[in-house]
Amino acid sequence: MLDLKGLAGALGEQAALPAVRHELRRPLTAIRGYLETLLEEEADPQTTRRFLETARSEALRLSRLIDGMLDLPMLELQQPARRALACDVVEQIRATIALVSPMARKRDVTIRSRAPKRAVAIIDSDECVHALSNLVENAIKHGSEHGTIEVKCRRIVPFVEVAVEDDGDGVDPGDRTAIFEMGARGACTDRTGSGIGLAVVKAIAQRARGEVCVDSSALGGARFLLRLPSK
């Protein structure tokens, strides 16, 4: 489960409430996207079942988030000791691509992925999906309409590295550190955004003793690199 108390502590008191709101909206957006797709388009029974199963999975994740929030009185910033959890990052990439597919369909964006059969990292599965989905949603928003996004995973000891690349305008070199701060948005973008998602990615990565950074992609846009400690 995403640790809202730890996230609050990592982001700081003033940033905690906007970040929690942002993370609660994300499963709701996914659920709405899948249901709207089913209502607006005809789908075969197999696709309908897959969409409903994903919506149910996101509803369960939202429930876990709310449970965590209720255990967070006044967003107390003391971080409790937690048992180190692990997950297969490749599985979380598949879950993330399924999660964001309604958003990608609306912009006619193709998501390609390349990964080994398995890559285990020391991070909770919900936190991994939160970080990955923030990065892929960011790529969908800021990449080209009718464009392509590439998600690549590889093992680079001592990390599992995930690269999320888009074909948009990229991130100005002068913004490549600042965009991970709360409320920051790159100077090259003309799209709306809260400036929270990338700060959440940074907080999750740091809590897992990993890192995140951005540079240029061969596709012409930005390449975000999320590195998580491998198991």
C-alpha atoms as a PDB file:
ATOM      1  CA  MET A   1       0.000   0.000   0.000  1.00  0.00           C
ATOM      2  CA  LEU A   2       1.179   3.516  -0.752  1.00  0.00           C
ATOM      3  CA  ASP A   3       2.503   4.905   2.550  1.00  0.00           C
ATOM      4  CA  LEU A   4       0.775   8.286   2.794  1.00  0.00           C
ATOM      5  CA  LYS A   5       2.423   9.078   6.111  1.00  0.00           C
ATOM      6  CA  GLY A   6       5.867   8.459   4.659  1.00  0.00           C
ATOM      7  CA  LEU A   7       4.993  10.409   1.532  1.00  0.00           C
ATOM      8  CA  ALA A   8       3.860  13.338   3.649  1.00  0.00           C
ATOM      9  CA  GLY A   9       7.108  13.254   5.563  1.00  0.00           C
ATOM     10  CA  ALA A  10       9.196  13.076   2.410  1.00  0.00           C
ATOM     11  CA  LEU A  11       7.405  15.990   0.736  1.00  0.00           C
ATOM     12  CA  GLY A  12       7.064  18.232   3.776  1.00  0.00           C
ATOM     13  CA  GLU A  13       4.076  19.512   5.730  1.00  0.00           C
ATOM     14  CA  GLN A  14       2.907  22.237   3.301  1.00  0.00           C
ATOM     15  CA  ALA A  15       3.087  19.878   0.319  1.00  0.00           C
ATOM     16  CA  ALA A  16       1.450  16.913   2.041  1.00  0.00           C
ATOM     17  CA  LEU A  17      -2.235  17.746   1.557  1.00  0.00           C
ATOM     18  CA  PRO A  18      -1.970  18.646  -2.175  1.00  0.00           C
ATOM     19  CA  ALA A  19       0.036  15.461  -2.761  1.00  0.00           C
ATOM     20  CA  VAL A  20      -2.516  13.294  -0.961  1.00  0.00           C
ATOM     21  CA  ARG A  21      -5.355  14.877  -2.967  1.00  0.00           C
ATOM     22  CA  HIS A  22      -3.400  14.279  -6.163  1.00  0.00           C
ATOM     23  CA  GLU A  23      -2.808  10.618  -5.356  1.00  0.00           C
ATOM     24  CA  LEU A  24      -6.451  10.019  -4.397  1.00  0.00           C
ATOM     25  CA  ARG A  25      -7.656  11.509  -7.684  1.00  0.00           C
ATOM     26  CA  ARG A  26      -5.494   9.232  -9.805  1.00  0.00           C
ATOM     27  CA  PRO A  27      -7.367   5.945  -9.218  1.00  0.00           C
ATOM     28  CA  LEU A  28     -10.652   7.820  -9.636  1.00  0.00           C
ATOM     29  CA  THR A  29      -9.464   9.168 -12.986  1.00  0.00           C
ATOM     30  CA  ALA A  30      -8.543   5.656 -14.120  1.00  0.00           C
ATOM     31  CA  ILE A  31     -11.881   4.194 -13.021  1.00  0.00           C
ATOM     32  CA  ARG A  32     -13.767   6.987 -14.786  1.00  0.00           C
ATOM     33  CA  GLY A  33     -11.677   6.536 -17.935  1.00  0.00           C
ATOM     34  CA  TYR A  34     -12.421   2.836 -18.221  1.00  0.00           C
ATOM     35  CA  LEU A  35     -16.137   3.239 -17.507  1.00  0.00           C
ATOM     36  CA  GLU A  36     -16.463   6.109 -20.003  1.00  0.00           C
ATOM     37  CA  THR A  37     -14.691   4.026 -22.638  1.00  0.00           C
ATOM     38  CA  LEU A  38     -17.145   1.179 -22.111  1.00  0.00           C
ATOM     39  CA  LEU A  39     -20.114   3.551 -22.283  1.00  0.00           C
ATOM     40  CA  GLU A  40     -18.924   5.415 -25.385  1.00  0.00           C
ATOM     41  CA  GLU A  41     -17.460   2.567 -27.447  1.00  0.00           C
ATOM     42  CA  GLU A  42     -18.569  -0.950 -28.270  1.00  0.00           C
ATOM     43  CA  ALA A  43     -16.143  -3.569 -26.999  1.00  0.00           C
ATOM     44  CA  ASP A  44     -16.001  -7.325 -27.257  1.00  0.00           C
ATOM     45  CA  PRO A  45     -16.742  -9.344 -24.081  1.00  0.00           C
ATOM     46  CA  GLN A  46     -13.048 -10.060 -23.426  1.00  0.00           C
ATOM     47  CA  THR A  47     -12.094  -6.372 -23.602  1.00  0.00           C
ATOM     48  CA  THR A  48     -15.101  -5.386 -21.494  1.00  0.00           C
ATOM     49  CA  ARG A  49     -14.099  -7.875 -18.801  1.00  0.00           C
ATOM     50  CA  ARG A  50     -10.489  -6.665 -18.852  1.00  0.00           C
ATOM     51  CA  PHE A  51     -11.566  -3.030 -18.498  1.00  0.00           C
ATOM     52  CA  LEU A  52     -13.931  -3.858 -15.634  1.00  0.00           C
ATOM     53  CA  GLU A  53     -11.236  -5.886 -13.855  1.00  0.00           C
ATOM     54  CA  THR A  54      -8.820  -2.949 -14.114  1.00  0.00           C
ATOM     55  CA  ALA A  55     -11.485  -0.551 -12.808  1.00  0.00           C
ATOM     56  CA  ARG A  56     -12.113  -2.910  -9.893  1.00  0.00           C
ATOM     57  CA  SER A  57      -8.381  -3.126  -9.185  1.00  0.00           C
ATOM     58  CA  GLU A  58      -8.168   0.671  -9.088  1.00  0.00           C
ATOM     59  CA  ALA A  59     -11.213   0.842  -6.793  1.00  0.00           C
ATOM     60  CA  LEU A  60      -9.456  -1.528  -4.389  1.00  0.00           C
ATOM     61  CA  ARG A  61      -6.291   0.568  -4.581  1.00  0.00           C
ATOM     62  CA  LEU A  62      -8.326   3.701  -3.840  1.00  0.00           C
ATOM     63  CA  SER A  63      -9.766   1.920  -0.804  1.00  0.00           C
ATOM     64  CA  ARG A  64      -6.263   1.123   0.428  1.00  0.00           C
ATOM     65  CA  LEU A  65      -5.249   4.758  -0.061  1.00  0.00           C
ATOM     66  CA  ILE A  66      -8.245   5.967   1.940  1.00  0.00           C
ATOM     67  CA  ASP A  67      -7.463   3.460   4.704  1.00  0.00           C
ATOM     68  CA  GLY A  68      -3.933   4.833   4.804  1.00  0.00           C
ATOM     69  CA  MET A  69      -5.214   8.404   4.943  1.00  0.00           C
ATOM     70  CA  LEU A  70      -7.524   7.564   7.856  1.00  0.00           C
ATOM     71  CA  ASP A  71      -4.488   6.208   9.676  1.00  0.00           C
ATOM     72  CA  LEU A  72      -2.763   9.556   9.141  1.00  0.00           C
ATOM     73  CA  PRO A  73      -4.013  11.897  11.874  1.00  0.00           C
ATOM     74  CA  MET A  74      -3.079  15.485  11.057  1.00  0.00           C
ATOM     75  CA  LEU A  75      -0.539  14.126   8.538  1.00  0.00           C
ATOM     76  CA  GLU A  76       1.926  13.470  11.344  1.00  0.00           C
ATOM     77  CA  LEU A  77       5.392  13.543   9.864  1.00  0.00           C
ATOM     78  CA  GLN A  78       7.157  10.883  11.893  1.00  0.00           C
ATOM     79  CA  GLN A  79       8.016   8.022   9.552  1.00  0.00           C
ATOM     80  CA  PRO A  80       7.569   4.602  11.181  1.00  0.00           C
ATOM     81  CA  ALA A  81       9.997   1.801  10.556  1.00  0.00           C
ATOM     82  CA  ARG A  82       8.715  -0.374   7.740  1.00  0.00           C
ATOM     83  CA  ARG A  83       9.559  -3.868   6.647  1.00  0.00           C
ATOM     84  CA  ALA A  84      11.308  -3.769   3.289  1.00  0.00           C
ATOM     85  CA  LEU A  85       8.881  -4.943   0.592  1.00  0.00           C
ATOM     86  CA  ALA A  86       9.709  -6.110  -2.915  1.00  0.00           C
ATOM     87  CA  CYS A  87       7.891  -6.425  -6.221  1.00  0.00           C
ATOM     88  CA  ASP A  88       8.515  -7.406  -9.817  1.00  0.00           C
ATOM     89  CA  VAL A  89       8.909  -4.099 -11.632  1.00  0.00           C
ATOM     90  CA  VAL A  90       8.057  -5.760 -14.958  1.00  0.00           C
ATOM     91  CA  GLU A  91       4.625  -6.704 -13.592  1.00  0.00           C
ATOM     92  CA  GLN A  92       4.112  -3.135 -12.365  1.00  0.00           C
ATOM     93  CA  ILE A  93       4.980  -1.782 -15.816  1.00  0.00           C
ATOM     94  CA  ARG A  94       2.282  -3.996 -17.348  1.00  0.00           C
ATOM     95  CA  ALA A  95      -0.194  -2.827 -14.701  1.00  0.00           C
ATOM     96  CA  THR A  96       0.736   0.799 -15.348  1.00  0.00           C
ATOM     97  CA  ILE A  97       0.254   0.540 -19.114  1.00  0.00           C
ATOM     98  CA  ALA A  98      -3.165  -1.038 -18.551  1.00  0.00           C
ATOM     99  CA  LEU A  99      -4.001   1.699 -16.047  1.00  0.00           C
ATOM    100  CA  VAL A 100      -3.207   4.618 -18.363  1.00  0.00           C
ATOM    101  CA  SER A 101      -4.595   3.094 -21.565  1.00  0.00           C
ATOM    102  CA  PRO A 102      -7.837   5.184 -21.574  1.00  0.00           C
ATOM    103  CA  MET A 103      -5.770   8.357 -21.333  1.00  0.00           C
ATOM    104  CA  ALA A 104      -3.462   7.151 -24.122  1.00  0.00           C
ATOM    105  CA  ARG A 105      -6.445   6.266 -26.335  1.00  0.00           C
ATOM    106  CA  LYS A 106      -7.839   9.801 -26.026  1.00  0.00           C
ATOM    107  CA  ARG A 107      -4.616  11.254 -27.461  1.00  0.00           C
ATOM    108  CA  ASP A 108      -4.075   8.308 -29.852  1.00  0.00           C
ATOM    109  CA  VAL A 109      -0.730   7.592 -28.208  1.00  0.00           C
ATOM    110  CA  THR A 110       1.012   4.245 -28.702  1.00  0.00           C
ATOM    111  CA  ILE A 111       2.914   2.858 -25.712  1.00  0.00           C
ATOM    112  CA  ARG A 112       5.701   0.398 -26.482  1.00  0.00           C
ATOM    113  CA  SER A 113       7.514  -1.523 -23.775  1.00  0.00           C
ATOM    114  CA  ARG A 114      10.685  -3.566 -23.556  1.00  0.00           C
ATOM    115  CA  ALA A 115      11.660  -5.421 -20.402  1.00  0.00           C
ATOM    116  CA  PRO A 116      13.265  -8.627 -19.152  1.00  0.00           C
ATOM    117  CA  LYS A 117      11.038 -11.455 -17.947  1.00  0.00           C
ATOM    118  CA  ARG A 118      11.524 -10.376 -14.333  1.00  0.00           C
ATOM    119  CA  ALA A 119      13.232  -7.540 -12.434  1.00  0.00           C
ATOM    120  CA  VAL A 120      12.644  -7.443  -8.673  1.00  0.00           C
ATOM    121  CA  ALA A 121      13.178  -4.196  -6.755  1.00  0.00           C
ATOM    122  CA  ILE A 122      12.907  -3.347  -3.070  1.00  0.00           C
ATOM    123  CA  ILE A 123       9.743  -1.257  -3.129  1.00  0.00           C
ATOM    124  CA  ASP A 124       6.060  -1.789  -2.378  1.00  0.00           C
ATOM    125  CA  SER A 125       4.044  -2.673  -5.507  1.00  0.00           C
ATOM    126  CA  ASP A 126       1.513   0.168  -4.995  1.00  0.00           C
ATOM    127  CA  GLU A 127       4.297   2.715  -4.585  1.00  0.00           C
ATOM    128  CA  CYS A 128       6.018   1.367  -7.707  1.00  0.00           C
ATOM    129  CA  VAL A 129       2.809   1.693  -9.765  1.00  0.00           C
ATOM    130  CA  HIS A 130       2.239   5.220  -8.398  1.00  0.00           C
ATOM    131  CA  ALA A 131       5.701   6.316  -9.474  1.00  0.00           C
ATOM    132  CA  LEU A 132       5.511   4.632 -12.880  1.00  0.00           C
ATOM    133  CA  SER A 133       2.010   5.856 -13.681  1.00  0.00           C
ATOM    134  CA  ASN A 134       2.951   9.434 -12.809  1.00  0.00           C
ATOM    135  CA  LEU A 135       5.849   9.194 -15.269  1.00  0.00           C
ATOM    136  CA  VAL A 136       3.821   7.563 -18.065  1.00  0.00           C
ATOM    137  CA  GLU A 137       0.888   9.971 -17.612  1.00  0.00           C
ATOM    138  CA  ASN A 138       3.365  12.838 -17.787  1.00  0.00           C
ATOM    139  CA  ALA A 139       4.715  11.406 -21.054  1.00  0.00           C
ATOM    140  CA  ILE A 140       1.190  11.091 -22.488  1.00  0.00           C
ATOM    141  CA  LYS A 141       0.383  14.694 -21.568  1.00  0.00           C
ATOM    142  CA  HIS A 142       3.600  16.217 -22.857  1.00  0.00           C
ATOM    143  CA  GLY A 143       4.371  13.917 -25.779  1.00  0.00           C
ATOM    144  CA  SER A 144       2.922  14.358 -29.245  1.00  0.00           C
ATOM    145  CA  GLU A 145      -0.697  13.631 -30.062  1.00  0.00           C
ATOM    146  CA  HIS A 146      -0.781  10.460 -32.211  1.00  0.00           C
ATOM    147  CA  GLY A 147       2.745   9.915 -30.918  1.00  0.00           C
ATOM    148  CA  THR A 148       4.747   7.172 -29.269  1.00  0.00           C
ATOM    149  CA  ILE A 149       5.967   6.499 -25.747  1.00  0.00           C
ATOM    150  CA  GLU A 150       8.603   3.909 -24.920  1.00  0.00           C
ATOM    151  CA  VAL A 151       8.911   2.251 -21.496  1.00  0.00           C
ATOM    152  CA  LYS A 152      12.112   0.248 -21.048  1.00  0.00           C
ATOM    153  CA  CYS A 153      13.301  -1.735 -18.062  1.00  0.00           C
ATOM    154  CA  ARG A 154      16.738  -3.182 -17.388  1.00  0.00           C
ATOM    155  CA  ARG A 155      18.913  -4.276 -14.504  1.00  0.00           C
ATOM    156  CA  ILE A 156      21.927  -2.069 -13.766  1.00  0.00           C
ATOM    157  CA  VAL A 157      23.496  -3.271 -10.526  1.00  0.00           C
ATOM    158  CA  PRO A 158      22.580  -2.209  -7.869  1.00  0.00           C
ATOM    159  CA  PHE A 159      19.373  -0.875  -9.481  1.00  0.00           C
ATOM    160  CA  VAL A 160      16.413  -1.822 -11.606  1.00  0.00           C
ATOM    161  CA  GLU A 161      16.131   1.066 -14.055  1.00  0.00           C
ATOM    162  CA  VAL A 162      12.963   2.110 -15.872  1.00  0.00           C
ATOM    163  CA  ALA A 163      13.187   4.629 -18.718  1.00  0.00           C
ATOM    164  CA  VAL A 164      10.020   6.439 -19.857  1.00  0.00           C
ATOM    165  CA  GLU A 165      10.564   8.305 -23.130  1.00  0.00           C
ATOM    166  CA  ASP A 166       8.286  10.558 -25.165  1.00  0.00           C
ATOM    167  CA  ASP A 167       8.407  12.442 -28.467  1.00  0.00           C
ATOM    168  CA  GLY A 168       7.314  15.844 -27.174  1.00  0.00           C
ATOM    169  CA  ASP A 169       9.258  19.064 -26.681  1.00  0.00           C
ATOM    170  CA  GLY A 170      11.481  17.689 -23.942  1.00  0.00           C
ATOM    171  CA  VAL A 171      12.615  19.407 -20.760  1.00  0.00           C
ATOM    172  CA  ASP A 172      14.835  22.458 -20.877  1.00  0.00           C
ATOM    173  CA  PRO A 173      18.256  21.671 -19.312  1.00  0.00           C
ATOM    174  CA  GLY A 174      17.749  24.495 -16.836  1.00  0.00           C
ATOM    175  CA  ASP A 175      14.534  22.886 -15.564  1.00  0.00           C
ATOM    176  CA  ARG A 176      15.758  19.315 -15.148  1.00  0.00           C
ATOM    177  CA  THR A 177      16.214  19.573 -11.394  1.00  0.00           C
ATOM    178  CA  ALA A 178      13.443  22.055 -10.608  1.00  0.00           C
ATOM    179  CA  ILE A 179      10.627  20.030 -12.222  1.00  0.00           C
ATOM    180  CA  PHE A 180      10.845  17.488  -9.392  1.00  0.00           C
ATOM    181  CA  GLU A 181       9.959  20.129  -6.805  1.00  0.00           C
ATOM    182  CA  MET A 182       6.375  20.639  -5.585  1.00  0.00           C
ATOM    183  CA  GLY A 183       4.373  22.972  -7.824  1.00  0.00           C
ATOM    184  CA  ALA A 184       7.102  23.280 -10.455  1.00  0.00           C
ATOM    185  CA  ARG A 185       6.328  23.000 -14.169  1.00  0.00           C
ATOM    186  CA  GLY A 186       8.768  23.047 -17.049  1.00  0.00           C
ATOM    187  CA  ALA A 187       9.136  26.224 -19.072  1.00  0.00           C
ATOM    188  CA  CYS A 188       8.670  24.323 -22.349  1.00  0.00           C
ATOM    189  CA  THR A 189       5.147  23.126 -21.610  1.00  0.00           C
ATOM    190  CA  ASP A 190       1.893  24.882 -22.493  1.00  0.00           C
ATOM    191  CA  ARG A 191      -0.365  22.233 -20.949  1.00  0.00           C
ATOM    192  CA  THR A 192      -2.097  22.463 -17.615  1.00  0.00           C
ATOM    193  CA  GLY A 193      -0.820  20.482 -14.645  1.00  0.00           C
ATOM    194  CA  SER A 194      -0.556  20.559 -10.893  1.00  0.00           C
ATOM    195  CA  GLY A 195       3.208  20.303 -10.626  1.00  0.00           C
ATOM    196  CA  ILE A 196       2.760  17.497  -8.071  1.00  0.00           C
ATOM    197  CA  GLY A 197       3.221  14.232  -9.953  1.00  0.00           C
ATOM    198  CA  LEU A 198       6.982  14.427 -10.488  1.00  0.00           C
ATOM    199  CA  ALA A 199       7.533  15.551  -6.886  1.00  0.00           C
ATOM    200  CA  VAL A 200       5.653  12.434  -5.777  1.00  0.00           C
ATOM    201  CA  VAL A 201       7.878  10.286  -8.022  1.00  0.00           C
ATOM    202  CA  LYS A 202      10.975  11.836  -6.458  1.00  0.00           C
ATOM    203  CA  ALA A 203       9.635  11.273  -2.922  1.00  0.00           C
ATOM    204  CA  ILE A 204       8.789   7.629  -3.629  1.00  0.00           C
ATOM    205  CA  ALA A 205      12.182   7.023  -5.254  1.00  0.00           C
ATOM    206  CA  GLN A 206      14.097   8.591  -2.382  1.00  0.00           C
ATOM    207  CA  ARG A 207      12.113   6.675   0.245  1.00  0.00           C
ATOM    208  CA  ALA A 208      13.023   3.468  -1.583  1.00  0.00           C
ATOM    209  CA  ARG A 209      16.679   4.610  -1.626  1.00  0.00           C
ATOM    210  CA  GLY A 210      16.529   5.062  -5.360  1.00  0.00           C
ATOM    211  CA  GLU A 211      16.602   8.099  -7.633  1.00  0.00           C
ATOM    212  CA  VAL A 212      14.895   9.769 -10.573  1.00  0.00           C
ATOM    213  CA  CYS A 213      16.262  12.123 -13.199  1.00  0.00           C
ATOM    214  CA  VAL A 214      15.490  13.397 -16.696  1.00  0.00           C
ATOM    215  CA  ASP A 215      17.491  13.947 -19.864  1.00  0.00           C
ATOM    216  CA  SER A 216      16.834  13.879 -23.619  1.00  0.00           C
ATOM    217  CA  SER A 217      15.237  10.998 -25.505  1.00  0.00           C
ATOM    218  CA  ALA A 218      16.192   9.675 -28.913  1.00  0.00           C
ATOM    219  CA  LEU A 219      12.476  10.062 -29.727  1.00  0.00           C
ATOM    220  CA  GLY A 220      12.978  13.823 -29.554  1.00  0.00           C
ATOM    221  CA  GLY A 221      11.345  14.521 -26.177  1.00  0.00           C
ATOM    222  CA  ALA A 222      12.159  13.732 -22.567  1.00  0.00           C
ATOM    223  CA  ARG A 223      13.595  10.556 -21.053  1.00  0.00           C
ATOM    224  CA  PHE A 224      12.800  10.023 -17.371  1.00  0.00           C
ATOM    225  CA  LEU A 225      14.954   7.463 -15.566  1.00  0.00           C
ATOM    226  CA  LEU A 226      13.616   5.849 -12.389  1.00  0.00           C
ATOM    227  CA  ARG A 227      16.166   3.730 -10.545  1.00  0.00           C
ATOM    228  CA  LEU A 228      15.068   1.450  -7.702  1.00  0.00           C
ATOM    229  CA  PRO A 229      17.307  -0.773  -5.575  1.00  0.00           C
ATOM    230  CA  SER A 230      17.304  -4.317  -6.930  1.00  0.00           C
ATOM    231  CA  LYS A 231      16.785  -7.338  -4.734  1.00  0.00           C
END
